[in-house]
Amino acid sequence: QVQLVESGGGLVQAGDSLRLSCAASGLSFITSAVGWFRQAPGKEREFVAGISWNGASEYYAESVKGRFAISRDNAKKTVHLEMNSLKPDDTGAYYCAADRSSFGRVGLTTDVYDVWGQGTQVTVSS
């Protein structure tokens, strides 16, 4: 069974940091690009950050550049999202997703990814 499980969310104050983790199982993880997306209430799910299968390429939404950092450990089948200087606008459910047919690409849209986790909630208070 292919599965992604997110963890690390929580309630923090503006300016704080959080580290999200995404653990994969039953997945050809080493060949998959992984992306983080978030969804605020009443809004569409949006791209936050993505990393290629070998970690050589990283992409970030403009709103998080310089504050968030994505990394992966293929031996442990995990991807992390380090989030610093958090803002109330960063509030939402955060999802990790895998693109098993990435062939080196890093997708910026939800339709590229075919495996999704259940999400972890991040709430940033002002």
PDB file of N, CA and C in Angstrom:
ATOM      1  N   GLN A   1       0.842  -1.189   0.000  1.00  0.00           N
ATOM      2  CA  GLN A   1       0.000   0.000   0.000  1.00  0.00           C
ATOM      3  C   GLN A   1       0.878   1.240   0.000  1.00  0.00           C
ATOM      4  N   VAL A   2       0.607   2.111  -0.951  1.00  0.00           N
ATOM      5  CA  VAL A   2       1.353   3.351  -1.054  1.00  0.00           C
ATOM      6  C   VAL A   2       0.785   4.358  -0.069  1.00  0.00           C
ATOM      7  N   GLN A   3       1.654   4.949   0.720  1.00  0.00           N
ATOM      8  CA  GLN A   3       1.166   5.847   1.761  1.00  0.00           C
ATOM      9  C   GLN A   3       2.168   6.962   2.043  1.00  0.00           C
ATOM     10  N   LEU A   4       1.630   8.165   2.265  1.00  0.00           N
ATOM     11  CA  LEU A   4       2.407   9.299   2.734  1.00  0.00           C
ATOM     12  C   LEU A   4       1.779   9.784   4.025  1.00  0.00           C
ATOM     13  N   VAL A   5       2.599  10.028   5.026  1.00  0.00           N
ATOM     14  CA  VAL A   5       2.087  10.479   6.320  1.00  0.00           C
ATOM     15  C   VAL A   5       2.842  11.729   6.747  1.00  0.00           C
ATOM     16  N   GLU A   6       2.091  12.809   6.929  1.00  0.00           N
ATOM     17  CA  GLU A   6       2.685  14.065   7.374  1.00  0.00           C
ATOM     18  C   GLU A   6       2.649  14.168   8.902  1.00  0.00           C
ATOM     19  N   SER A   7       3.595  14.924   9.431  1.00  0.00           N
ATOM     20  CA  SER A   7       3.617  15.205  10.865  1.00  0.00           C
ATOM     21  C   SER A   7       4.333  16.520  11.102  1.00  0.00           C
ATOM     22  N   GLY A   8       4.199  17.047  12.315  1.00  0.00           N
ATOM     23  CA  GLY A   8       4.929  18.246  12.691  1.00  0.00           C
ATOM     24  C   GLY A   8       4.129  19.523  12.741  1.00  0.00           C
ATOM     25  N   GLY A   9       2.873  19.461  12.363  1.00  0.00           N
ATOM     26  CA  GLY A   9       2.053  20.664  12.410  1.00  0.00           C
ATOM     27  C   GLY A   9       1.736  21.072  13.840  1.00  0.00           C
ATOM     28  N   GLY A  10       1.148  22.247  13.981  1.00  0.00           N
ATOM     29  CA  GLY A  10       0.779  22.712  15.311  1.00  0.00           C
ATOM     30  C   GLY A  10       0.347  24.153  15.305  1.00  0.00           C
ATOM     31  N   LEU A  11       0.128  24.662  16.512  1.00  0.00           N
ATOM     32  CA  LEU A  11      -0.260  26.056  16.711  1.00  0.00           C
ATOM     33  C   LEU A  11       0.948  26.832  17.202  1.00  0.00           C
ATOM     34  N   VAL A  12       1.334  27.868  16.454  1.00  0.00           N
ATOM     35  CA  VAL A  12       2.491  28.673  16.818  1.00  0.00           C
ATOM     36  C   VAL A  12       2.147  30.155  16.676  1.00  0.00           C
ATOM     37  N   GLN A  13       3.047  30.986  17.155  1.00  0.00           N
ATOM     38  CA  GLN A  13       2.867  32.431  17.009  1.00  0.00           C
ATOM     39  C   GLN A  13       3.649  32.939  15.801  1.00  0.00           C
ATOM     40  N   ALA A  14       3.239  34.072  15.325  1.00  0.00           N
ATOM     41  CA  ALA A  14       3.944  34.690  14.203  1.00  0.00           C
ATOM     42  C   ALA A  14       5.423  34.863  14.557  1.00  0.00           C
ATOM     43  N   GLY A  15       6.278  34.518  13.612  1.00  0.00           N
ATOM     44  CA  GLY A  15       7.714  34.606  13.827  1.00  0.00           C
ATOM     45  C   GLY A  15       8.352  33.300  14.264  1.00  0.00           C
ATOM     46  N   ASP A  16       7.529  32.350  14.686  1.00  0.00           N
ATOM     47  CA  ASP A  16       8.047  31.053  15.127  1.00  0.00           C
ATOM     48  C   ASP A  16       8.412  30.167  13.944  1.00  0.00           C
ATOM     49  N   SER A  17       8.948  28.996  14.268  1.00  0.00           N
ATOM     50  CA  SER A  17       9.349  28.020  13.246  1.00  0.00           C
ATOM     51  C   SER A  17       8.676  26.676  13.506  1.00  0.00           C
ATOM     52  N   LEU A  18       8.503  25.929  12.432  1.00  0.00           N
ATOM     53  CA  LEU A  18       8.009  24.558  12.503  1.00  0.00           C
ATOM     54  C   LEU A  18       8.742  23.728  11.467  1.00  0.00           C
ATOM     55  N   ARG A  19       8.839  22.442  11.756  1.00  0.00           N
ATOM     56  CA  ARG A  19       9.431  21.517  10.796  1.00  0.00           C
ATOM     57  C   ARG A  19       8.421  20.412  10.511  1.00  0.00           C
ATOM     58  N   LEU A  20       7.969  20.375   9.276  1.00  0.00           N
ATOM     59  CA  LEU A  20       7.048  19.326   8.857  1.00  0.00           C
ATOM     60  C   LEU A  20       7.826  18.160   8.262  1.00  0.00           C
ATOM     61  N   SER A  21       7.299  16.964   8.477  1.00  0.00           N
ATOM     62  CA  SER A  21       7.920  15.770   7.906  1.00  0.00           C
ATOM     63  C   SER A  21       6.886  14.989   7.110  1.00  0.00           C
ATOM     64  N   CYS A  22       7.368  14.319   6.093  1.00  0.00           N
ATOM     65  CA  CYS A  22       6.523  13.472   5.245  1.00  0.00           C
ATOM     66  C   CYS A  22       7.236  12.137   5.114  1.00  0.00           C
ATOM     67  N   ALA A  23       6.604  11.096   5.631  1.00  0.00           N
ATOM     68  CA  ALA A  23       7.191   9.759   5.600  1.00  0.00           C
ATOM     69  C   ALA A  23       6.467   8.905   4.573  1.00  0.00           C
ATOM     70  N   ALA A  24       7.229   8.231   3.725  1.00  0.00           N
ATOM     71  CA  ALA A  24       6.661   7.420   2.656  1.00  0.00           C
ATOM     72  C   ALA A  24       6.826   5.935   2.938  1.00  0.00           C
ATOM     73  N   SER A  25       5.841   5.163   2.479  1.00  0.00           N
ATOM     74  CA  SER A  25       5.949   3.710   2.561  1.00  0.00           C
ATOM     75  C   SER A  25       5.289   3.108   1.332  1.00  0.00           C
ATOM     76  N   GLY A  26       5.786   1.927   0.942  1.00  0.00           N
ATOM     77  CA  GLY A  26       5.212   1.241  -0.206  1.00  0.00           C
ATOM     78  C   GLY A  26       5.308   2.028  -1.485  1.00  0.00           C
ATOM     79  N   LEU A  27       6.319   2.831  -1.607  1.00  0.00           N
ATOM     80  CA  LEU A  27       6.412   3.774  -2.726  1.00  0.00           C
ATOM     81  C   LEU A  27       7.817   3.733  -3.299  1.00  0.00           C
ATOM     82  N   SER A  28       7.899   3.865  -4.619  1.00  0.00           N
ATOM     83  CA  SER A  28       9.210   4.018  -5.236  1.00  0.00           C
ATOM     84  C   SER A  28       9.693   5.435  -4.965  1.00  0.00           C
ATOM     85  N   PHE A  29       9.970   5.675  -3.707  1.00  0.00           N
ATOM     86  CA  PHE A  29      10.226   7.036  -3.249  1.00  0.00           C
ATOM     87  C   PHE A  29      11.425   7.652  -3.945  1.00  0.00           C
ATOM     88  N   ILE A  30      12.430   6.845  -4.174  1.00  0.00           N
ATOM     89  CA  ILE A  30      13.677   7.390  -4.687  1.00  0.00           C
ATOM     90  C   ILE A  30      13.513   7.956  -6.097  1.00  0.00           C
ATOM     91  N   THR A  31      12.490   7.547  -6.808  1.00  0.00           N
ATOM     92  CA  THR A  31      12.284   8.061  -8.169  1.00  0.00           C
ATOM     93  C   THR A  31      11.172   9.101  -8.236  1.00  0.00           C
ATOM     94  N   SER A  32      10.646   9.470  -7.086  1.00  0.00           N
ATOM     95  CA  SER A  32       9.498  10.380  -7.054  1.00  0.00           C
ATOM     96  C   SER A  32       9.897  11.789  -6.644  1.00  0.00           C
ATOM     97  N   ALA A  33       9.387  12.749  -7.370  1.00  0.00           N
ATOM     98  CA  ALA A  33       9.461  14.125  -6.882  1.00  0.00           C
ATOM     99  C   ALA A  33       8.422  14.277  -5.776  1.00  0.00           C
ATOM    100  N   VAL A  34       8.696  15.154  -4.838  1.00  0.00           N
ATOM    101  CA  VAL A  34       7.765  15.367  -3.728  1.00  0.00           C
ATOM    102  C   VAL A  34       7.465  16.851  -3.604  1.00  0.00           C
ATOM    103  N   GLY A  35       6.212  17.152  -3.399  1.00  0.00           N
ATOM    104  CA  GLY A  35       5.801  18.537  -3.221  1.00  0.00           C
ATOM    105  C   GLY A  35       5.038  18.721  -1.934  1.00  0.00           C
ATOM    106  N   TRP A  36       5.110  19.937  -1.415  1.00  0.00           N
ATOM    107  CA  TRP A  36       4.277  20.341  -0.287  1.00  0.00           C
ATOM    108  C   TRP A  36       3.257  21.350  -0.802  1.00  0.00           C
ATOM    109  N   PHE A  37       2.031  21.153  -0.407  1.00  0.00           N
ATOM    110  CA  PHE A  37       0.940  22.059  -0.757  1.00  0.00           C
ATOM    111  C   PHE A  37       0.223  22.468   0.523  1.00  0.00           C
ATOM    112  N   ARG A  38      -0.522  23.542   0.462  1.00  0.00           N
ATOM    113  CA  ARG A  38      -1.309  23.942   1.626  1.00  0.00           C
ATOM    114  C   ARG A  38      -2.672  24.430   1.161  1.00  0.00           C
ATOM    115  N   GLN A  39      -3.608  24.328   2.079  1.00  0.00           N
ATOM    116  CA  GLN A  39      -4.958  24.757   1.769  1.00  0.00           C
ATOM    117  C   GLN A  39      -5.570  25.443   2.984  1.00  0.00           C
ATOM    118  N   ALA A  40      -5.916  26.701   2.795  1.00  0.00           N
ATOM    119  CA  ALA A  40      -6.589  27.459   3.836  1.00  0.00           C
ATOM    120  C   ALA A  40      -8.097  27.315   3.656  1.00  0.00           C
ATOM    121  N   PRO A  41      -8.864  27.499   4.719  1.00  0.00           N
ATOM    122  CA  PRO A  41     -10.321  27.369   4.604  1.00  0.00           C
ATOM    123  C   PRO A  41     -10.889  28.283   3.517  1.00  0.00           C
ATOM    124  N   GLY A  42     -11.701  27.709   2.632  1.00  0.00           N
ATOM    125  CA  GLY A  42     -12.335  28.484   1.576  1.00  0.00           C
ATOM    126  C   GLY A  42     -11.445  28.810   0.399  1.00  0.00           C
ATOM    127  N   LYS A  43     -10.207  28.296   0.416  1.00  0.00           N
ATOM    128  CA  LYS A  43      -9.280  28.577  -0.673  1.00  0.00           C
ATOM    129  C   LYS A  43      -8.849  27.290  -1.356  1.00  0.00           C
ATOM    130  N   GLU A  44      -8.303  27.439  -2.547  1.00  0.00           N
ATOM    131  CA  GLU A  44      -7.816  26.283  -3.280  1.00  0.00           C
ATOM    132  C   GLU A  44      -6.471  25.836  -2.710  1.00  0.00           C
ATOM    133  N   ARG A  45      -6.178  24.568  -2.934  1.00  0.00           N
ATOM    134  CA  ARG A  45      -4.891  24.040  -2.520  1.00  0.00           C
ATOM    135  C   ARG A  45      -3.798  24.676  -3.380  1.00  0.00           C
ATOM    136  N   GLU A  46      -2.743  25.148  -2.746  1.00  0.00           N
ATOM    137  CA  GLU A  46      -1.689  25.835  -3.482  1.00  0.00           C
ATOM    138  C   GLU A  46      -0.319  25.210  -3.225  1.00  0.00           C
ATOM    139  N   PHE A  47       0.517  25.342  -4.222  1.00  0.00           N
ATOM    140  CA  PHE A  47       1.880  24.835  -4.148  1.00  0.00           C
ATOM    141  C   PHE A  47       2.696  25.665  -3.165  1.00  0.00           C
ATOM    142  N   VAL A  48       3.501  24.974  -2.359  1.00  0.00           N
ATOM    143  CA  VAL A  48       4.384  25.652  -1.406  1.00  0.00           C
ATOM    144  C   VAL A  48       5.847  25.422  -1.772  1.00  0.00           C
ATOM    145  N   ALA A  49       6.223  24.147  -1.942  1.00  0.00           N
ATOM    146  CA  ALA A  49       7.614  23.820  -2.250  1.00  0.00           C
ATOM    147  C   ALA A  49       7.658  22.439  -2.871  1.00  0.00           C
ATOM    148  N   GLY A  50       8.695  22.196  -3.671  1.00  0.00           N
ATOM    149  CA  GLY A  50       8.857  20.893  -4.292  1.00  0.00           C
ATOM    150  C   GLY A  50      10.327  20.556  -4.454  1.00  0.00           C
ATOM    151  N   ILE A  51      10.625  19.262  -4.498  1.00  0.00           N
ATOM    152  CA  ILE A  51      12.003  18.817  -4.610  1.00  0.00           C
ATOM    153  C   ILE A  51      12.064  17.630  -5.558  1.00  0.00           C
ATOM    154  N   SER A  52      13.094  17.598  -6.387  1.00  0.00           N
ATOM    155  CA  SER A  52      13.245  16.513  -7.355  1.00  0.00           C
ATOM    156  C   SER A  52      13.658  15.227  -6.652  1.00  0.00           C
ATOM    157  N   TRP A  53      13.636  14.125  -7.411  1.00  0.00           N
ATOM    158  CA  TRP A  53      13.885  12.816  -6.826  1.00  0.00           C
ATOM    159  C   TRP A  53      15.255  12.714  -6.160  1.00  0.00           C
ATOM    160  N   ASN A  54      16.219  13.426  -6.676  1.00  0.00           N
ATOM    161  CA  ASN A  54      17.576  13.331  -6.130  1.00  0.00           C
ATOM    162  C   ASN A  54      17.962  14.552  -5.300  1.00  0.00           C
ATOM    163  N   GLY A  55      17.016  15.446  -5.089  1.00  0.00           N
ATOM    164  CA  GLY A  55      17.295  16.628  -4.282  1.00  0.00           C
ATOM    165  C   GLY A  55      18.048  17.714  -5.015  1.00  0.00           C
ATOM    166  N   ALA A  56      18.311  17.520  -6.299  1.00  0.00           N
ATOM    167  CA  ALA A  56      19.122  18.482  -7.032  1.00  0.00           C
ATOM    168  C   ALA A  56      18.362  19.764  -7.361  1.00  0.00           C
ATOM    169  N   SER A  57      17.041  19.678  -7.436  1.00  0.00           N
ATOM    170  CA  SER A  57      16.232  20.849  -7.792  1.00  0.00           C
ATOM    171  C   SER A  57      15.183  21.103  -6.728  1.00  0.00           C
ATOM    172  N   GLU A  58      15.037  22.360  -6.391  1.00  0.00           N
ATOM    173  CA  GLU A  58      14.033  22.781  -5.420  1.00  0.00           C
ATOM    174  C   GLU A  58      13.265  23.967  -5.996  1.00  0.00           C
ATOM    175  N   TYR A  59      12.003  24.024  -5.694  1.00  0.00           N
ATOM    176  CA  TYR A  59      11.164  25.130  -6.140  1.00  0.00           C
ATOM    177  C   TYR A  59      10.302  25.596  -4.971  1.00  0.00           C
ATOM    178  N   TYR A  60      10.058  26.894  -4.945  1.00  0.00           N
ATOM    179  CA  TYR A  60       9.278  27.479  -3.867  1.00  0.00           C
ATOM    180  C   TYR A  60       8.273  28.476  -4.407  1.00  0.00           C
ATOM    181  N   ALA A  61       7.153  28.563  -3.729  1.00  0.00           N
ATOM    182  CA  ALA A  61       6.213  29.635  -4.025  1.00  0.00           C
ATOM    183  C   ALA A  61       6.849  30.956  -3.603  1.00  0.00           C
ATOM    184  N   GLU A  62       6.528  32.020  -4.319  1.00  0.00           N
ATOM    185  CA  GLU A  62       7.113  33.320  -4.013  1.00  0.00           C
ATOM    186  C   GLU A  62       6.846  33.732  -2.566  1.00  0.00           C
ATOM    187  N   SER A  63       5.711  33.363  -2.074  1.00  0.00           N
ATOM    188  CA  SER A  63       5.297  33.792  -0.727  1.00  0.00           C
ATOM    189  C   SER A  63       6.134  33.162   0.393  1.00  0.00           C
ATOM    190  N   VAL A  64       6.871  32.079   0.065  1.00  0.00           N
ATOM    191  CA  VAL A  64       7.652  31.407   1.117  1.00  0.00           C
ATOM    192  C   VAL A  64       9.148  31.428   0.857  1.00  0.00           C
ATOM    193  N   LYS A  65       9.559  31.960  -0.283  1.00  0.00           N
ATOM    194  CA  LYS A  65      10.984  32.004  -0.611  1.00  0.00           C
ATOM    195  C   LYS A  65      11.766  32.753   0.467  1.00  0.00           C
ATOM    196  N   GLY A  66      12.870  32.162   0.865  1.00  0.00           N
ATOM    197  CA  GLY A  66      13.707  32.769   1.892  1.00  0.00           C
ATOM    198  C   GLY A  66      13.276  32.422   3.313  1.00  0.00           C
ATOM    199  N   ARG A  67      12.097  31.842   3.466  1.00  0.00           N
ATOM    200  CA  ARG A  67      11.610  31.471   4.805  1.00  0.00           C
ATOM    201  C   ARG A  67      11.482  29.954   4.979  1.00  0.00           C
ATOM    202  N   PHE A  68      11.126  29.259   3.904  1.00  0.00           N
ATOM    203  CA  PHE A  68      10.922  27.811   3.942  1.00  0.00           C
ATOM    204  C   PHE A  68      12.062  27.107   3.213  1.00  0.00           C
ATOM    205  N   ALA A  69      12.356  25.892   3.652  1.00  0.00           N
ATOM    206  CA  ALA A  69      13.372  25.079   2.992  1.00  0.00           C
ATOM    207  C   ALA A  69      12.911  23.629   2.954  1.00  0.00           C
ATOM    208  N   ILE A  70      12.984  23.036   1.779  1.00  0.00           N
ATOM    209  CA  ILE A  70      12.590  21.641   1.614  1.00  0.00           C
ATOM    210  C   ILE A  70      13.846  20.790   1.475  1.00  0.00           C
ATOM    211  N   SER A  71      13.798  19.589   2.028  1.00  0.00           N
ATOM    212  CA  SER A  71      14.924  18.665   1.928  1.00  0.00           C
ATOM    213  C   SER A  71      14.383  17.246   1.938  1.00  0.00           C
ATOM    214  N   ARG A  72      15.221  16.308   1.518  1.00  0.00           N
ATOM    215  CA  ARG A  72      14.789  14.914   1.510  1.00  0.00           C
ATOM    216  C   ARG A  72      15.926  13.995   1.910  1.00  0.00           C
ATOM    217  N   ASP A  73      15.551  12.847   2.464  1.00  0.00           N
ATOM    218  CA  ASP A  73      16.497  11.793   2.811  1.00  0.00           C
ATOM    219  C   ASP A  73      15.950  10.513   2.195  1.00  0.00           C
ATOM    220  N   ASN A  74      16.479  10.131   1.056  1.00  0.00           N
ATOM    221  CA  ASN A  74      15.949   8.966   0.345  1.00  0.00           C
ATOM    222  C   ASN A  74      16.179   7.673   1.100  1.00  0.00           C
ATOM    223  N   ALA A  75      17.237   7.590   1.864  1.00  0.00           N
ATOM    224  CA  ALA A  75      17.502   6.381   2.649  1.00  0.00           C
ATOM    225  C   ALA A  75      16.415   6.178   3.702  1.00  0.00           C
ATOM    226  N   LYS A  76      15.899   7.273   4.252  1.00  0.00           N
ATOM    227  CA  LYS A  76      14.855   7.197   5.264  1.00  0.00           C
ATOM    228  C   LYS A  76      13.465   7.409   4.681  1.00  0.00           C
ATOM    229  N   LYS A  77      13.409   7.647   3.383  1.00  0.00           N
ATOM    230  CA  LYS A  77      12.132   7.877   2.694  1.00  0.00           C
ATOM    231  C   LYS A  77      11.337   8.995   3.370  1.00  0.00           C
ATOM    232  N   THR A  78      11.999  10.084   3.633  1.00  0.00           N
ATOM    233  CA  THR A  78      11.328  11.218   4.260  1.00  0.00           C
ATOM    234  C   THR A  78      11.668  12.519   3.533  1.00  0.00           C
ATOM    235  N   VAL A  79      10.735  13.440   3.602  1.00  0.00           N
ATOM    236  CA  VAL A  79      10.933  14.791   3.103  1.00  0.00           C
ATOM    237  C   VAL A  79      10.538  15.744   4.216  1.00  0.00           C
ATOM    238  N   HIS A  80      11.341  16.786   4.396  1.00  0.00           N
ATOM    239  CA  HIS A  80      11.076  17.757   5.437  1.00  0.00           C
ATOM    240  C   HIS A  80      10.790  19.119   4.833  1.00  0.00           C
ATOM    241  N   LEU A  81       9.991  19.881   5.535  1.00  0.00           N
ATOM    242  CA  LEU A  81       9.758  21.275   5.172  1.00  0.00           C
ATOM    243  C   LEU A  81      10.039  22.112   6.409  1.00  0.00           C
ATOM    244  N   GLU A  82      11.146  22.832   6.368  1.00  0.00           N
ATOM    245  CA  GLU A  82      11.528  23.714   7.460  1.00  0.00           C
ATOM    246  C   GLU A  82      10.877  25.062   7.208  1.00  0.00           C
ATOM    247  N   MET A  83      10.066  25.506   8.175  1.00  0.00           N
ATOM    248  CA  MET A  83       9.323  26.758   7.991  1.00  0.00           C
ATOM    249  C   MET A  83       9.745  27.748   9.073  1.00  0.00           C
ATOM    250  N   ASN A  84      10.307  28.862   8.657  1.00  0.00           N
ATOM    251  CA  ASN A  84      10.774  29.888   9.576  1.00  0.00           C
ATOM    252  C   ASN A  84      10.001  31.186   9.363  1.00  0.00           C
ATOM    253  N   SER A  85      10.090  32.062  10.347  1.00  0.00           N
ATOM    254  CA  SER A  85       9.426  33.370  10.276  1.00  0.00           C
ATOM    255  C   SER A  85       7.979  33.222   9.829  1.00  0.00           C
ATOM    256  N   LEU A  86       7.278  32.341  10.487  1.00  0.00           N
ATOM    257  CA  LEU A  86       5.908  32.047  10.086  1.00  0.00           C
ATOM    258  C   LEU A  86       4.996  33.251  10.251  1.00  0.00           C
ATOM    259  N   LYS A  87       4.043  33.354   9.334  1.00  0.00           N
ATOM    260  CA  LYS A  87       3.080  34.445   9.317  1.00  0.00           C
ATOM    261  C   LYS A  87       1.663  33.873   9.425  1.00  0.00           C
ATOM    262  N   PRO A  88       0.707  34.666   9.868  1.00  0.00           N
ATOM    263  CA  PRO A  88      -0.676  34.180   9.904  1.00  0.00           C
ATOM    264  C   PRO A  88      -1.162  33.675   8.546  1.00  0.00           C
ATOM    265  N   ASP A  89      -0.677  34.269   7.454  1.00  0.00           N
ATOM    266  CA  ASP A  89      -1.070  33.826   6.112  1.00  0.00           C
ATOM    267  C   ASP A  89      -0.553  32.428   5.778  1.00  0.00           C
ATOM    268  N   ASP A  90       0.358  31.899   6.582  1.00  0.00           N
ATOM    269  CA  ASP A  90       0.844  30.537   6.358  1.00  0.00           C
ATOM    270  C   ASP A  90      -0.096  29.491   6.950  1.00  0.00           C
ATOM    271  N   THR A  91      -1.124  29.931   7.626  1.00  0.00           N
ATOM    272  CA  THR A  91      -2.076  29.009   8.237  1.00  0.00           C
ATOM    273  C   THR A  91      -2.798  28.168   7.195  1.00  0.00           C
ATOM    274  N   GLY A  92      -2.938  26.873   7.494  1.00  0.00           N
ATOM    275  CA  GLY A  92      -3.656  25.991   6.592  1.00  0.00           C
ATOM    276  C   GLY A  92      -3.300  24.544   6.853  1.00  0.00           C
ATOM    277  N   ALA A  93      -3.972  23.663   6.127  1.00  0.00           N
ATOM    278  CA  ALA A  93      -3.622  22.248   6.161  1.00  0.00           C
ATOM    279  C   ALA A  93      -2.506  22.022   5.142  1.00  0.00           C
ATOM    280  N   TYR A  94      -1.435  21.401   5.579  1.00  0.00           N
ATOM    281  CA  TYR A  94      -0.281  21.151   4.713  1.00  0.00           C
ATOM    282  C   TYR A  94      -0.255  19.690   4.291  1.00  0.00           C
ATOM    283  N   TYR A  95      -0.107  19.489   2.994  1.00  0.00           N
ATOM    284  CA  TYR A  95      -0.110  18.156   2.419  1.00  0.00           C
ATOM    285  C   TYR A  95       1.198  17.895   1.683  1.00  0.00           C
ATOM    286  N   CYS A  96       1.722  16.691   1.832  1.00  0.00           N
ATOM    287  CA  CYS A  96       2.812  16.303   0.945  1.00  0.00           C
ATOM    288  C   CYS A  96       2.239  15.375  -0.119  1.00  0.00           C
ATOM    289  N   ALA A  97       2.891  15.379  -1.261  1.00  0.00           N
ATOM    290  CA  ALA A  97       2.412  14.602  -2.395  1.00  0.00           C
ATOM    291  C   ALA A  97       3.602  14.105  -3.195  1.00  0.00           C
ATOM    292  N   ALA A  98       3.432  12.945  -3.818  1.00  0.00           N
ATOM    293  CA  ALA A  98       4.504  12.349  -4.611  1.00  0.00           C
ATOM    294  C   ALA A  98       4.079  12.230  -6.069  1.00  0.00           C
ATOM    295  N   ASP A  99       5.014  12.518  -6.925  1.00  0.00           N
ATOM    296  CA  ASP A  99       4.846  12.340  -8.365  1.00  0.00           C
ATOM    297  C   ASP A  99       5.713  11.163  -8.763  1.00  0.00           C
ATOM    298  N   ARG A 100       5.098  10.000  -8.936  1.00  0.00           N
ATOM    299  CA  ARG A 100       5.849   8.784  -9.203  1.00  0.00           C
ATOM    300  C   ARG A 100       6.394   8.704 -10.621  1.00  0.00           C
ATOM    301  N   SER A 101       5.950   9.615 -11.468  1.00  0.00           N
ATOM    302  CA  SER A 101       6.436   9.626 -12.852  1.00  0.00           C
ATOM    303  C   SER A 101       7.178  10.924 -13.139  1.00  0.00           C
ATOM    304  N   SER A 102       7.949  11.394 -12.175  1.00  0.00           N
ATOM    305  CA  SER A 102       8.511  12.736 -12.292  1.00  0.00           C
ATOM    306  C   SER A 102       9.553  12.870 -13.394  1.00  0.00           C
ATOM    307  N   PHE A 103      10.368  11.831 -13.622  1.00  0.00           N
ATOM    308  CA  PHE A 103      11.421  11.893 -14.641  1.00  0.00           C
ATOM    309  C   PHE A 103      12.225  13.188 -14.539  1.00  0.00           C
ATOM    310  N   GLY A 104      12.516  13.570 -13.292  1.00  0.00           N
ATOM    311  CA  GLY A 104      13.355  14.735 -13.094  1.00  0.00           C
ATOM    312  C   GLY A 104      12.612  16.044 -12.925  1.00  0.00           C
ATOM    313  N   ARG A 105      11.343  16.101 -13.274  1.00  0.00           N
ATOM    314  CA  ARG A 105      10.594  17.349 -13.150  1.00  0.00           C
ATOM    315  C   ARG A 105      10.142  17.548 -11.714  1.00  0.00           C
ATOM    316  N   VAL A 106       9.790  18.779 -11.399  1.00  0.00           N
ATOM    317  CA  VAL A 106       9.137  19.097 -10.136  1.00  0.00           C
ATOM    318  C   VAL A 106       7.869  19.858 -10.473  1.00  0.00           C
ATOM    319  N   GLY A 107       6.745  19.228 -10.280  1.00  0.00           N
ATOM    320  CA  GLY A 107       5.481  19.843 -10.643  1.00  0.00           C
ATOM    321  C   GLY A 107       5.091  20.949  -9.691  1.00  0.00           C
ATOM    322  N   LEU A 108       4.436  21.963 -10.220  1.00  0.00           N
ATOM    323  CA  LEU A 108       3.983  23.093  -9.418  1.00  0.00           C
ATOM    324  C   LEU A 108       2.473  23.103  -9.243  1.00  0.00           C
ATOM    325  N   THR A 109       1.797  22.119  -9.817  1.00  0.00           N
ATOM    326  CA  THR A 109       0.343  22.065  -9.739  1.00  0.00           C
ATOM    327  C   THR A 109      -0.107  20.716  -9.187  1.00  0.00           C
ATOM    328  N   THR A 110      -1.289  20.690  -8.614  1.00  0.00           N
ATOM    329  CA  THR A 110      -1.770  19.479  -7.939  1.00  0.00           C
ATOM    330  C   THR A 110      -1.958  18.304  -8.898  1.00  0.00           C
ATOM    331  N   ASP A 111      -2.301  18.553 -10.144  1.00  0.00           N
ATOM    332  CA  ASP A 111      -2.630  17.475 -11.070  1.00  0.00           C
ATOM    333  C   ASP A 111      -1.439  16.605 -11.433  1.00  0.00           C
ATOM    334  N   VAL A 112      -0.243  17.078 -11.161  1.00  0.00           N
ATOM    335  CA  VAL A 112       0.968  16.313 -11.478  1.00  0.00           C
ATOM    336  C   VAL A 112       1.201  15.188 -10.469  1.00  0.00           C
ATOM    337  N   TYR A 113       0.702  15.353  -9.267  1.00  0.00           N
ATOM    338  CA  TYR A 113       0.996  14.428  -8.172  1.00  0.00           C
ATOM    339  C   TYR A 113      -0.095  13.372  -8.037  1.00  0.00           C
ATOM    340  N   ASP A 114       0.316  12.119  -7.852  1.00  0.00           N
ATOM    341  CA  ASP A 114      -0.664  11.045  -7.834  1.00  0.00           C
ATOM    342  C   ASP A 114      -0.810  10.339  -6.498  1.00  0.00           C
ATOM    343  N   VAL A 115       0.018  10.686  -5.523  1.00  0.00           N
ATOM    344  CA  VAL A 115      -0.124  10.122  -4.178  1.00  0.00           C
ATOM    345  C   VAL A 115      -0.117  11.280  -3.185  1.00  0.00           C
ATOM    346  N   TRP A 116      -1.094  11.289  -2.282  1.00  0.00           N
ATOM    347  CA  TRP A 116      -1.249  12.391  -1.324  1.00  0.00           C
ATOM    348  C   TRP A 116      -1.356  11.872   0.099  1.00  0.00           C
ATOM    349  N   GLY A 117      -0.813  12.659   1.013  1.00  0.00           N
ATOM    350  CA  GLY A 117      -1.010  12.370   2.414  1.00  0.00           C
ATOM    351  C   GLY A 117      -2.315  12.965   2.909  1.00  0.00           C
ATOM    352  N   GLN A 118      -2.601  12.735   4.187  1.00  0.00           N
ATOM    353  CA  GLN A 118      -3.850  13.203   4.782  1.00  0.00           C
ATOM    354  C   GLN A 118      -3.750  14.639   5.282  1.00  0.00           C
ATOM    355  N   GLY A 119      -2.559  15.155   5.408  1.00  0.00           N
ATOM    356  CA  GLY A 119      -2.390  16.547   5.811  1.00  0.00           C
ATOM    357  C   GLY A 119      -2.095  16.728   7.286  1.00  0.00           C
ATOM    358  N   THR A 120      -1.451  17.843   7.597  1.00  0.00           N
ATOM    359  CA  THR A 120      -1.194  18.231   8.973  1.00  0.00           C
ATOM    360  C   THR A 120      -1.503  19.723   9.092  1.00  0.00           C
ATOM    361  N   GLN A 121      -2.163  20.100  10.165  1.00  0.00           N
ATOM    362  CA  GLN A 121      -2.632  21.469  10.318  1.00  0.00           C
ATOM    363  C   GLN A 121      -1.550  22.366  10.897  1.00  0.00           C
ATOM    364  N   VAL A 122      -1.384  23.519  10.271  1.00  0.00           N
ATOM    365  CA  VAL A 122      -0.488  24.557  10.774  1.00  0.00           C
ATOM    366  C   VAL A 122      -1.330  25.803  11.024  1.00  0.00           C
ATOM    367  N   THR A 123      -1.283  26.305  12.235  1.00  0.00           N
ATOM    368  CA  THR A 123      -2.010  27.511  12.588  1.00  0.00           C
ATOM    369  C   THR A 123      -1.044  28.517  13.181  1.00  0.00           C
ATOM    370  N   VAL A 124      -0.980  29.700  12.574  1.00  0.00           N
ATOM    371  CA  VAL A 124      -0.076  30.750  13.022  1.00  0.00           C
ATOM    372  C   VAL A 124      -0.920  31.905  13.551  1.00  0.00           C
ATOM    373  N   SER A 125      -0.758  32.193  14.822  1.00  0.00           N
ATOM    374  CA  SER A 125      -1.525  33.290  15.413  1.00  0.00           C
ATOM    375  C   SER A 125      -0.713  34.581  15.374  1.00  0.00           C
ATOM    376  N   SER A 126      -1.421  35.683  15.301  1.00  0.00           N
ATOM    377  CA  SER A 126      -0.743  36.988  15.214  1.00  0.00           C
ATOM    378  C   SER A 126      -0.441  37.552  16.590  1.00  0.00           C
TER     379      SER A 126
END
